[in-house]
Amino acid sequence: MAFSSRLVTPSPLLPLPQPKPKPKHAHLLTRRSLLLLSTTSLSLPSPLTAAADLPPTPPDTTITDRVFMDFNICPNFISNRTLATELLPCPDSEPMGRVVFGLYGKLVPITVSNFKSMCTGSCGSSYKDTLVQKIFPGQFFVAGRQGRKDRWEVPPPVDLERNLETVDSKAFILEHSRPGVLSLCLSENDDDDEIKLDPNYRNVEFLITTGPGPCPDLDNKNIVFGTVLEGLDVVTAIASIPTYKPAERIRQINDLAEFFGDERAQNARTIWNRPLKTVFISDCGELTVTKPSLSPTLP
């Protein structure tokens, strides 16, 4: 059997397969490049992370309204009264000075509107001729307690909007961080329970911080709605008036009575921190301004 020795040559019509050229800039994926790639990807912030790192929007403390209060003092007034008697006229009162408040109408508009109405008397009631009820030395003083007019307490207002800001967490953002903070008194409110049970009850009691330091115990419990623009010296003078302080033994007996549910314990505490010289608001009202809004003068 014979075999042909002729070689089979490929057809010229069929091209031979050529190897694909490698890219000129091809890179090998090494462990080092993977490490660099992962580090770079971790360092780039995502949109959500960047948004979370943004500082919160500061509260709008633009002063939209200004009101004033004139304070007088009766040196001998307290000696002519008891807890159960009506207040007597005070012909020998001495002026202490005027305090001007700037109100944050954009932050808490309802609270500001109600306070302004109480200063002007447009709601059927007013702070005029009412007492500074309590003074807490080195902290704040309280005024605007509701009750009987013949006892120089605030008559319950009849035409005030219901303040829904008292249940809004955004209304409690500002802190009592310095002297001259004006705040709606909620935690320290001492209106009679009979008045509070009225379905038309509106809280109008307020407090003013006197310094020298902050009052963190008031934060998140009371609504800051303004600041003292003028008359901080008057606020300091009110804060310096001596107050009634019970002896330590009386405090212990009162705590024990409260523990056993004696209602007289709470009634006895109503005279604690009362000023020994009667201070009252002799006049109050709204001040008109040239511009519709004022920038806050205090931080």
C-alpha atoms as a PDB file:
ATOM      1  CA  MET A   1       0.000   0.000   0.000  1.00  0.00           C
ATOM      2  CA  ALA A   2       1.532   3.220  -1.163  1.00  0.00           C
ATOM      3  CA  PHE A   3       1.152   6.595   0.509  1.00  0.00           C
ATOM      4  CA  SER A   4       1.322   9.872  -1.293  1.00  0.00           C
ATOM      5  CA  SER A   5       4.063  12.158  -0.210  1.00  0.00           C
ATOM      6  CA  ARG A   6       2.286  15.327  -1.454  1.00  0.00           C
ATOM      7  CA  LEU A   7       1.640  17.973   1.247  1.00  0.00           C
ATOM      8  CA  VAL A   8      -1.797  19.512   1.576  1.00  0.00           C
ATOM      9  CA  THR A   9      -1.532  23.252   1.351  1.00  0.00           C
ATOM     10  CA  PRO A  10      -4.252  25.491   2.742  1.00  0.00           C
ATOM     11  CA  SER A  11      -6.553  27.185   0.359  1.00  0.00           C
ATOM     12  CA  PRO A  12      -5.653  30.789  -0.354  1.00  0.00           C
ATOM     13  CA  LEU A  13      -9.310  31.749   0.070  1.00  0.00           C
ATOM     14  CA  LEU A  14      -9.367  30.866   3.800  1.00  0.00           C
ATOM     15  CA  PRO A  15      -7.225  33.258   5.939  1.00  0.00           C
ATOM     16  CA  LEU A  16      -5.344  31.868   8.818  1.00  0.00           C
ATOM     17  CA  PRO A  17      -6.613  32.986  12.291  1.00  0.00           C
ATOM     18  CA  GLN A  18      -4.502  35.769  13.713  1.00  0.00           C
ATOM     19  CA  PRO A  19      -3.987  36.313  17.474  1.00  0.00           C
ATOM     20  CA  LYS A  20      -5.870  39.355  18.900  1.00  0.00           C
ATOM     21  CA  PRO A  21      -3.579  42.234  19.782  1.00  0.00           C
ATOM     22  CA  LYS A  22      -3.460  43.169  23.435  1.00  0.00           C
ATOM     23  CA  PRO A  23      -4.489  46.736  24.416  1.00  0.00           C
ATOM     24  CA  LYS A  24      -1.573  49.025  24.810  1.00  0.00           C
ATOM     25  CA  HIS A  25      -2.823  50.267  28.220  1.00  0.00           C
ATOM     26  CA  ALA A  26      -4.038  47.008  29.704  1.00  0.00           C
ATOM     27  CA  HIS A  27      -3.501  46.684  33.450  1.00  0.00           C
ATOM     28  CA  LEU A  28      -3.317  43.592  35.544  1.00  0.00           C
ATOM     29  CA  LEU A  29      -5.748  43.467  38.517  1.00  0.00           C
ATOM     30  CA  THR A  30      -3.479  42.921  41.474  1.00  0.00           C
ATOM     31  CA  ARG A  31      -4.158  42.769  45.198  1.00  0.00           C
ATOM     32  CA  ARG A  32      -2.672  46.212  45.600  1.00  0.00           C
ATOM     33  CA  SER A  33      -4.995  47.750  42.997  1.00  0.00           C
ATOM     34  CA  LEU A  34      -7.998  46.107  44.674  1.00  0.00           C
ATOM     35  CA  LEU A  35      -6.965  47.593  48.011  1.00  0.00           C
ATOM     36  CA  LEU A  36      -6.584  51.059  46.521  1.00  0.00           C
ATOM     37  CA  LEU A  37      -9.921  50.751  44.762  1.00  0.00           C
ATOM     38  CA  SER A  38     -11.760  49.778  47.951  1.00  0.00           C
ATOM     39  CA  THR A  39     -10.118  52.604  49.920  1.00  0.00           C
ATOM     40  CA  THR A  40     -11.113  55.156  47.298  1.00  0.00           C
ATOM     41  CA  SER A  41     -14.710  53.963  47.159  1.00  0.00           C
ATOM     42  CA  LEU A  42     -15.047  54.157  50.944  1.00  0.00           C
ATOM     43  CA  SER A  43     -13.730  57.699  51.091  1.00  0.00           C
ATOM     44  CA  LEU A  44     -16.365  59.072  48.727  1.00  0.00           C
ATOM     45  CA  PRO A  45     -19.456  60.213  50.750  1.00  0.00           C
ATOM     46  CA  SER A  46     -22.834  59.132  49.530  1.00  0.00           C
ATOM     47  CA  PRO A  47     -25.575  61.758  49.025  1.00  0.00           C
ATOM     48  CA  LEU A  48     -27.471  60.463  52.057  1.00  0.00           C
ATOM     49  CA  THR A  49     -24.370  60.686  54.265  1.00  0.00           C
ATOM     50  CA  ALA A  50     -23.629  64.203  53.089  1.00  0.00           C
ATOM     51  CA  ALA A  51     -27.195  65.295  53.838  1.00  0.00           C
ATOM     52  CA  ALA A  52     -27.030  63.783  57.315  1.00  0.00           C
ATOM     53  CA  ASP A  53     -23.815  65.684  58.100  1.00  0.00           C
ATOM     54  CA  LEU A  54     -25.405  69.063  57.377  1.00  0.00           C
ATOM     55  CA  PRO A  55     -25.972  71.186  60.507  1.00  0.00           C
ATOM     56  CA  PRO A  56     -29.631  71.555  61.578  1.00  0.00           C
ATOM     57  CA  THR A  57     -31.452  74.708  60.569  1.00  0.00           C
ATOM     58  CA  PRO A  58     -31.275  77.210  63.450  1.00  0.00           C
ATOM     59  CA  PRO A  59     -34.626  78.398  64.880  1.00  0.00           C
ATOM     60  CA  ASP A  60     -35.955  81.665  63.505  1.00  0.00           C
ATOM     61  CA  THR A  61     -35.581  84.165  66.349  1.00  0.00           C
ATOM     62  CA  THR A  62     -36.443  87.203  64.283  1.00  0.00           C
ATOM     63  CA  ILE A  63     -38.063  89.822  66.504  1.00  0.00           C
ATOM     64  CA  THR A  64     -41.451  90.609  64.989  1.00  0.00           C
ATOM     65  CA  ASP A  65     -43.083  92.549  67.853  1.00  0.00           C
ATOM     66  CA  ARG A  66     -42.083  94.663  70.832  1.00  0.00           C
ATOM     67  CA  VAL A  67     -44.033  95.126  74.044  1.00  0.00           C
ATOM     68  CA  PHE A  68     -43.254  96.912  77.304  1.00  0.00           C
ATOM     69  CA  MET A  69     -43.976  96.469  80.994  1.00  0.00           C
ATOM     70  CA  ASP A  70     -43.579  99.089  83.706  1.00  0.00           C
ATOM     71  CA  PHE A  71     -42.853  97.713  87.172  1.00  0.00           C
ATOM     72  CA  ASN A  72     -43.601  99.410  90.504  1.00  0.00           C
ATOM     73  CA  ILE A  73     -42.779  98.406  94.065  1.00  0.00           C
ATOM     74  CA  CYS A  74     -44.777  98.910  97.264  1.00  0.00           C
ATOM     75  CA  PRO A  75     -42.345  98.892 100.209  1.00  0.00           C
ATOM     76  CA  ASN A  76     -45.028  98.636 102.929  1.00  0.00           C
ATOM     77  CA  PHE A  77     -47.738  96.845 100.978  1.00  0.00           C
ATOM     78  CA  ILE A  78     -46.968  93.332 102.174  1.00  0.00           C
ATOM     79  CA  SER A  79     -47.472  94.272 105.847  1.00  0.00           C
ATOM     80  CA  ASN A  80     -51.128  95.176 105.236  1.00  0.00           C
ATOM     81  CA  ARG A  81     -52.241  91.859 103.777  1.00  0.00           C
ATOM     82  CA  THR A  82     -52.628  88.204 104.603  1.00  0.00           C
ATOM     83  CA  LEU A  83     -53.154  85.217 102.362  1.00  0.00           C
ATOM     84  CA  ALA A  84     -56.930  85.406 102.752  1.00  0.00           C
ATOM     85  CA  THR A  85     -57.530  89.140 102.594  1.00  0.00           C
ATOM     86  CA  GLU A  86     -57.949  91.326  99.572  1.00  0.00           C
ATOM     87  CA  LEU A  87     -55.137  93.573  98.518  1.00  0.00           C
ATOM     88  CA  LEU A  88     -55.316  97.188  99.594  1.00  0.00           C
ATOM     89  CA  PRO A  89     -54.526 100.126  97.325  1.00  0.00           C
ATOM     90  CA  CYS A  90     -50.884 101.146  97.111  1.00  0.00           C
ATOM     91  CA  PRO A  91     -50.684 104.942  96.897  1.00  0.00           C
ATOM     92  CA  ASP A  92     -47.016 105.038  97.880  1.00  0.00           C
ATOM     93  CA  SER A  93     -45.692 102.797  95.099  1.00  0.00           C
ATOM     94  CA  GLU A  94     -42.364 103.666  93.531  1.00  0.00           C
ATOM     95  CA  PRO A  95     -41.480 103.061  89.874  1.00  0.00           C
ATOM     96  CA  MET A  96     -38.718 100.555  89.254  1.00  0.00           C
ATOM     97  CA  GLY A  97     -38.457 101.098  85.520  1.00  0.00           C
ATOM     98  CA  ARG A  98     -39.571  99.814  82.119  1.00  0.00           C
ATOM     99  CA  VAL A  99     -38.702  96.494  80.489  1.00  0.00           C
ATOM    100  CA  VAL A 100     -38.990  96.161  76.708  1.00  0.00           C
ATOM    101  CA  PHE A 101     -39.394  92.689  75.236  1.00  0.00           C
ATOM    102  CA  GLY A 102     -38.716  91.479  71.697  1.00  0.00           C
ATOM    103  CA  LEU A 103     -41.018  88.619  70.651  1.00  0.00           C
ATOM    104  CA  TYR A 104     -40.249  85.706  68.305  1.00  0.00           C
ATOM    105  CA  GLY A 105     -43.424  85.824  66.221  1.00  0.00           C
ATOM    106  CA  LYS A 106     -42.122  83.553  63.449  1.00  0.00           C
ATOM    107  CA  LEU A 107     -41.051  80.792  65.816  1.00  0.00           C
ATOM    108  CA  VAL A 108     -44.143  80.579  68.068  1.00  0.00           C
ATOM    109  CA  PRO A 109     -46.840  82.835  66.565  1.00  0.00           C
ATOM    110  CA  ILE A 110     -49.722  81.732  68.812  1.00  0.00           C
ATOM    111  CA  THR A 111     -47.783  82.232  72.049  1.00  0.00           C
ATOM    112  CA  VAL A 112     -46.595  85.656  70.881  1.00  0.00           C
ATOM    113  CA  SER A 113     -50.074  86.711  69.750  1.00  0.00           C
ATOM    114  CA  ASN A 114     -51.649  85.731  73.075  1.00  0.00           C
ATOM    115  CA  PHE A 115     -48.957  87.483  75.105  1.00  0.00           C
ATOM    116  CA  LYS A 116     -49.309  90.638  73.037  1.00  0.00           C
ATOM    117  CA  SER A 117     -53.098  90.554  73.502  1.00  0.00           C
ATOM    118  CA  MET A 118     -52.612  90.319  77.265  1.00  0.00           C
ATOM    119  CA  CYS A 119     -50.295  93.336  77.178  1.00  0.00           C
ATOM    120  CA  THR A 120     -52.738  95.454  75.171  1.00  0.00           C
ATOM    121  CA  GLY A 121     -55.874  94.188  76.924  1.00  0.00           C
ATOM    122  CA  SER A 122     -57.612  93.304  73.655  1.00  0.00           C
ATOM    123  CA  CYS A 123     -58.617  89.853  74.944  1.00  0.00           C
ATOM    124  CA  GLY A 124     -60.764  91.068  77.832  1.00  0.00           C
ATOM    125  CA  SER A 125     -57.913  90.727  80.337  1.00  0.00           C
ATOM    126  CA  SER A 126     -54.531  92.311  80.962  1.00  0.00           C
ATOM    127  CA  TYR A 127     -51.310  92.028  82.927  1.00  0.00           C
ATOM    128  CA  LYS A 128     -51.760  95.625  84.099  1.00  0.00           C
ATOM    129  CA  ASP A 129     -52.010  96.032  87.896  1.00  0.00           C
ATOM    130  CA  THR A 130     -51.081  92.387  88.569  1.00  0.00           C
ATOM    131  CA  LEU A 131     -48.394  91.010  90.844  1.00  0.00           C
ATOM    132  CA  VAL A 132     -45.017  89.403  90.399  1.00  0.00           C
ATOM    133  CA  GLN A 133     -45.988  86.223  92.201  1.00  0.00           C
ATOM    134  CA  LYS A 134     -42.699  84.494  92.939  1.00  0.00           C
ATOM    135  CA  ILE A 135     -38.990  85.178  92.778  1.00  0.00           C
ATOM    136  CA  PHE A 136     -36.440  82.373  92.653  1.00  0.00           C
ATOM    137  CA  PRO A 137     -33.120  84.047  93.526  1.00  0.00           C
ATOM    138  CA  GLY A 138     -30.414  83.531  90.944  1.00  0.00           C
ATOM    139  CA  GLN A 139     -32.841  81.945  88.473  1.00  0.00           C
ATOM    140  CA  PHE A 140     -36.115  83.648  87.436  1.00  0.00           C
ATOM    141  CA  PHE A 141     -39.308  85.343  88.581  1.00  0.00           C
ATOM    142  CA  VAL A 142     -42.929  84.500  87.711  1.00  0.00           C
ATOM    143  CA  ALA A 143     -45.872  86.802  86.917  1.00  0.00           C
ATOM    144  CA  GLY A 144     -49.292  86.533  85.292  1.00  0.00           C
ATOM    145  CA  ARG A 145     -51.009  84.160  87.716  1.00  0.00           C
ATOM    146  CA  GLN A 146     -54.758  83.959  87.053  1.00  0.00           C
ATOM    147  CA  GLY A 147     -57.286  84.566  89.800  1.00  0.00           C
ATOM    148  CA  ARG A 148     -59.252  87.416  91.313  1.00  0.00           C
ATOM    149  CA  LYS A 149     -58.735  90.979  90.172  1.00  0.00           C
ATOM    150  CA  ASP A 150     -59.286  92.318  93.708  1.00  0.00           C
ATOM    151  CA  ARG A 151     -56.229  90.299  94.748  1.00  0.00           C
ATOM    152  CA  TRP A 152     -54.203  91.785  91.912  1.00  0.00           C
ATOM    153  CA  GLU A 153     -54.231  88.529  89.964  1.00  0.00           C
ATOM    154  CA  VAL A 154     -54.884  88.234  86.225  1.00  0.00           C
ATOM    155  CA  PRO A 155     -58.590  87.896  85.354  1.00  0.00           C
ATOM    156  CA  PRO A 156     -59.095  84.816  83.148  1.00  0.00           C
ATOM    157  CA  PRO A 157     -59.039  85.974  79.495  1.00  0.00           C
ATOM    158  CA  VAL A 158     -62.156  85.352  77.430  1.00  0.00           C
ATOM    159  CA  ASP A 159     -60.906  85.857  73.876  1.00  0.00           C
ATOM    160  CA  LEU A 160     -57.579  84.084  73.386  1.00  0.00           C
ATOM    161  CA  GLU A 161     -56.711  81.462  70.789  1.00  0.00           C
ATOM    162  CA  ARG A 162     -56.123  77.956  72.113  1.00  0.00           C
ATOM    163  CA  ASN A 163     -52.360  77.516  72.241  1.00  0.00           C
ATOM    164  CA  LEU A 164     -51.560  74.278  70.420  1.00  0.00           C
ATOM    165  CA  GLU A 165     -47.853  75.103  70.580  1.00  0.00           C
ATOM    166  CA  THR A 166     -47.785  73.765  74.136  1.00  0.00           C
ATOM    167  CA  VAL A 167     -47.897  70.245  72.648  1.00  0.00           C
ATOM    168  CA  ASP A 168     -45.534  70.943  69.730  1.00  0.00           C
ATOM    169  CA  SER A 169     -41.951  69.793  70.335  1.00  0.00           C
ATOM    170  CA  LYS A 170     -40.599  72.458  67.956  1.00  0.00           C
ATOM    171  CA  ALA A 171     -41.794  75.173  70.344  1.00  0.00           C
ATOM    172  CA  PHE A 172     -39.414  73.946  73.068  1.00  0.00           C
ATOM    173  CA  ILE A 173     -36.185  74.228  71.042  1.00  0.00           C
ATOM    174  CA  LEU A 174     -34.796  77.394  72.625  1.00  0.00           C
ATOM    175  CA  GLU A 175     -33.038  77.157  75.986  1.00  0.00           C
ATOM    176  CA  HIS A 176     -33.033  79.363  79.074  1.00  0.00           C
ATOM    177  CA  SER A 177     -29.336  80.013  78.589  1.00  0.00           C
ATOM    178  CA  ARG A 178     -28.895  83.575  79.881  1.00  0.00           C
ATOM    179  CA  PRO A 179     -30.596  86.405  81.793  1.00  0.00           C
ATOM    180  CA  GLY A 180     -33.532  88.125  80.128  1.00  0.00           C
ATOM    181  CA  VAL A 181     -35.196  85.104  78.523  1.00  0.00           C
ATOM    182  CA  LEU A 182     -38.994  85.474  78.293  1.00  0.00           C
ATOM    183  CA  SER A 183     -40.836  82.176  78.543  1.00  0.00           C
ATOM    184  CA  LEU A 184     -44.401  80.858  78.811  1.00  0.00           C
ATOM    185  CA  CYS A 185     -44.610  79.308  82.256  1.00  0.00           C
ATOM    186  CA  LEU A 186     -45.725  75.684  82.043  1.00  0.00           C
ATOM    187  CA  SER A 187     -43.685  73.637  84.517  1.00  0.00           C
ATOM    188  CA  GLU A 188     -43.848  76.338  87.211  1.00  0.00           C
ATOM    189  CA  ASN A 189     -47.474  77.322  86.603  1.00  0.00           C
ATOM    190  CA  ASP A 190     -49.402  77.735  89.860  1.00  0.00           C
ATOM    191  CA  ASP A 191     -52.876  78.718  88.637  1.00  0.00           C
ATOM    192  CA  ASP A 192     -55.640  77.319  90.818  1.00  0.00           C
ATOM    193  CA  ASP A 193     -56.944  73.907  89.786  1.00  0.00           C
ATOM    194  CA  GLU A 194     -60.461  75.329  89.653  1.00  0.00           C
ATOM    195  CA  ILE A 195     -59.337  77.744  86.933  1.00  0.00           C
ATOM    196  CA  LYS A 196     -57.373  75.088  85.039  1.00  0.00           C
ATOM    197  CA  LEU A 197     -60.427  72.807  84.871  1.00  0.00           C
ATOM    198  CA  ASP A 198     -62.385  75.438  82.962  1.00  0.00           C
ATOM    199  CA  PRO A 199     -62.738  74.274  79.313  1.00  0.00           C
ATOM    200  CA  ASN A 200     -61.927  77.826  78.183  1.00  0.00           C
ATOM    201  CA  TYR A 201     -58.753  78.002  80.265  1.00  0.00           C
ATOM    202  CA  ARG A 202     -55.768  79.679  78.563  1.00  0.00           C
ATOM    203  CA  ASN A 203     -52.380  79.729  80.244  1.00  0.00           C
ATOM    204  CA  VAL A 204     -50.900  83.258  80.308  1.00  0.00           C
ATOM    205  CA  GLU A 205     -48.437  82.963  83.193  1.00  0.00           C
ATOM    206  CA  PHE A 206     -44.879  83.826  82.181  1.00  0.00           C
ATOM    207  CA  LEU A 207     -41.380  83.860  83.627  1.00  0.00           C
ATOM    208  CA  ILE A 208     -38.237  85.909  83.036  1.00  0.00           C
ATOM    209  CA  THR A 209     -34.776  84.536  83.757  1.00  0.00           C
ATOM    210  CA  THR A 210     -32.697  86.794  85.979  1.00  0.00           C
ATOM    211  CA  GLY A 211     -29.271  85.197  85.826  1.00  0.00           C
ATOM    212  CA  PRO A 212     -26.459  85.288  86.462  1.00  0.00           C
ATOM    213  CA  GLY A 213     -26.262  81.848  84.886  1.00  0.00           C
ATOM    214  CA  PRO A 214     -28.503  79.617  82.739  1.00  0.00           C
ATOM    215  CA  CYS A 215     -31.559  77.722  84.029  1.00  0.00           C
ATOM    216  CA  PRO A 216     -31.299  74.251  82.446  1.00  0.00           C
ATOM    217  CA  ASP A 217     -34.083  72.918  84.690  1.00  0.00           C
ATOM    218  CA  LEU A 218     -36.533  75.048  82.694  1.00  0.00           C
ATOM    219  CA  ASP A 219     -35.439  73.725  79.289  1.00  0.00           C
ATOM    220  CA  ASN A 220     -37.841  71.476  77.336  1.00  0.00           C
ATOM    221  CA  LYS A 221     -40.584  72.328  79.849  1.00  0.00           C
ATOM    222  CA  ASN A 222     -41.400  75.962  79.042  1.00  0.00           C
ATOM    223  CA  ILE A 223     -41.749  77.837  75.736  1.00  0.00           C
ATOM    224  CA  VAL A 224     -39.182  80.573  75.113  1.00  0.00           C
ATOM    225  CA  PHE A 225     -40.876  83.221  72.960  1.00  0.00           C
ATOM    226  CA  GLY A 226     -38.922  86.439  73.527  1.00  0.00           C
ATOM    227  CA  THR A 227     -36.041  88.287  75.111  1.00  0.00           C
ATOM    228  CA  VAL A 228     -35.399  91.462  77.073  1.00  0.00           C
ATOM    229  CA  LEU A 229     -34.224  94.240  74.749  1.00  0.00           C
ATOM    230  CA  GLU A 230     -34.144  97.056  77.313  1.00  0.00           C
ATOM    231  CA  GLY A 231     -34.397  97.181  81.092  1.00  0.00           C
ATOM    232  CA  LEU A 232     -32.308  94.198  82.140  1.00  0.00           C
ATOM    233  CA  ASP A 233     -31.264  96.286  85.144  1.00  0.00           C
ATOM    234  CA  VAL A 234     -34.937  96.356  86.210  1.00  0.00           C
ATOM    235  CA  VAL A 235     -35.064  92.557  85.954  1.00  0.00           C
ATOM    236  CA  THR A 236     -31.939  92.332  88.118  1.00  0.00           C
ATOM    237  CA  ALA A 237     -33.455  94.714  90.677  1.00  0.00           C
ATOM    238  CA  ILE A 238     -36.602  92.572  90.947  1.00  0.00           C
ATOM    239  CA  ALA A 239     -34.466  89.465  91.388  1.00  0.00           C
ATOM    240  CA  SER A 240     -32.678  91.057  94.353  1.00  0.00           C
ATOM    241  CA  ILE A 241     -35.871  91.553  96.407  1.00  0.00           C
ATOM    242  CA  PRO A 242     -35.922  89.289  99.508  1.00  0.00           C
ATOM    243  CA  THR A 243     -38.377  86.384  99.468  1.00  0.00           C
ATOM    244  CA  TYR A 244     -40.074  84.163 102.022  1.00  0.00           C
ATOM    245  CA  LYS A 245     -38.027  81.037 102.695  1.00  0.00           C
ATOM    246  CA  PRO A 246     -39.376  78.431 105.124  1.00  0.00           C
ATOM    247  CA  ALA A 247     -37.112  76.905 107.735  1.00  0.00           C
ATOM    248  CA  GLU A 248     -35.628  73.492 107.046  1.00  0.00           C
ATOM    249  CA  ARG A 249     -37.880  71.831 109.633  1.00  0.00           C
ATOM    250  CA  ILE A 250     -40.980  73.301 107.966  1.00  0.00           C
ATOM    251  CA  ARG A 251     -39.780  71.949 104.635  1.00  0.00           C
ATOM    252  CA  GLN A 252     -39.345  68.478 106.127  1.00  0.00           C
ATOM    253  CA  ILE A 253     -42.821  68.524 107.678  1.00  0.00           C
ATOM    254  CA  ASN A 254     -44.264  69.719 104.363  1.00  0.00           C
ATOM    255  CA  ASP A 255     -42.516  66.919 102.456  1.00  0.00           C
ATOM    256  CA  LEU A 256     -43.861  64.376 104.939  1.00  0.00           C
ATOM    257  CA  ALA A 257     -47.398  65.765 104.648  1.00  0.00           C
ATOM    258  CA  GLU A 258     -47.198  65.628 100.872  1.00  0.00           C
ATOM    259  CA  PHE A 259     -45.987  62.012 101.059  1.00  0.00           C
ATOM    260  CA  PHE A 260     -49.135  61.068 102.992  1.00  0.00           C
ATOM    261  CA  GLY A 261     -51.340  62.934 100.496  1.00  0.00           C
ATOM    262  CA  ASP A 262     -52.225  65.914 102.665  1.00  0.00           C
ATOM    263  CA  GLU A 263     -53.561  68.637 100.329  1.00  0.00           C
ATOM    264  CA  ARG A 264     -52.567  71.335 102.801  1.00  0.00           C
ATOM    265  CA  ALA A 265     -48.917  70.681 101.924  1.00  0.00           C
ATOM    266  CA  GLN A 266     -49.366  72.044  98.417  1.00  0.00           C
ATOM    267  CA  ASN A 267     -51.379  74.993  99.665  1.00  0.00           C
ATOM    268  CA  ALA A 268     -48.629  75.882 102.121  1.00  0.00           C
ATOM    269  CA  ARG A 269     -46.061  75.931  99.336  1.00  0.00           C
ATOM    270  CA  THR A 270     -47.903  78.682  97.493  1.00  0.00           C
ATOM    271  CA  ILE A 271     -46.301  81.287  99.760  1.00  0.00           C
ATOM    272  CA  TRP A 272     -42.779  79.976  99.316  1.00  0.00           C
ATOM    273  CA  ASN A 273     -40.546  82.324  97.301  1.00  0.00           C
ATOM    274  CA  ARG A 274     -43.094  85.143  97.568  1.00  0.00           C
ATOM    275  CA  PRO A 275     -41.389  88.569  97.527  1.00  0.00           C
ATOM    276  CA  LEU A 276     -41.431  90.351 100.895  1.00  0.00           C
ATOM    277  CA  LYS A 277     -41.982  93.637  99.048  1.00  0.00           C
ATOM    278  CA  THR A 278     -44.875  93.720  96.631  1.00  0.00           C
ATOM    279  CA  VAL A 279     -43.885  94.211  92.982  1.00  0.00           C
ATOM    280  CA  PHE A 280     -46.550  94.712  90.336  1.00  0.00           C
ATOM    281  CA  ILE A 281     -46.945  95.594  86.656  1.00  0.00           C
ATOM    282  CA  SER A 282     -48.242  99.165  86.680  1.00  0.00           C
ATOM    283  CA  ASP A 283     -48.643  99.435  82.905  1.00  0.00           C
ATOM    284  CA  CYS A 284     -48.046  97.410  79.755  1.00  0.00           C
ATOM    285  CA  GLY A 285     -48.690  97.627  76.028  1.00  0.00           C
ATOM    286  CA  GLU A 286     -47.326  97.276  72.516  1.00  0.00           C
ATOM    287  CA  LEU A 287     -44.604  99.442  71.007  1.00  0.00           C
ATOM    288  CA  THR A 288     -44.897 100.363  67.341  1.00  0.00           C
ATOM    289  CA  VAL A 289     -41.749  99.981  65.275  1.00  0.00           C
ATOM    290  CA  THR A 290     -40.610 101.586  62.035  1.00  0.00           C
ATOM    291  CA  LYS A 291     -39.738  98.289  60.377  1.00  0.00           C
ATOM    292  CA  PRO A 292     -42.099  95.289  60.280  1.00  0.00           C
ATOM    293  CA  SER A 293     -39.406  92.992  61.645  1.00  0.00           C
ATOM    294  CA  LEU A 294     -36.241  93.476  63.672  1.00  0.00           C
ATOM    295  CA  SER A 295     -33.134  91.365  63.799  1.00  0.00           C
ATOM    296  CA  PRO A 296     -32.502  89.889  67.236  1.00  0.00           C
ATOM    297  CA  THR A 297     -30.122  91.988  69.314  1.00  0.00           C
ATOM    298  CA  LEU A 298     -29.176  89.086  71.565  1.00  0.00           C
ATOM    299  CA  PRO A 299     -27.898  85.623  70.536  1.00  0.00           C
END
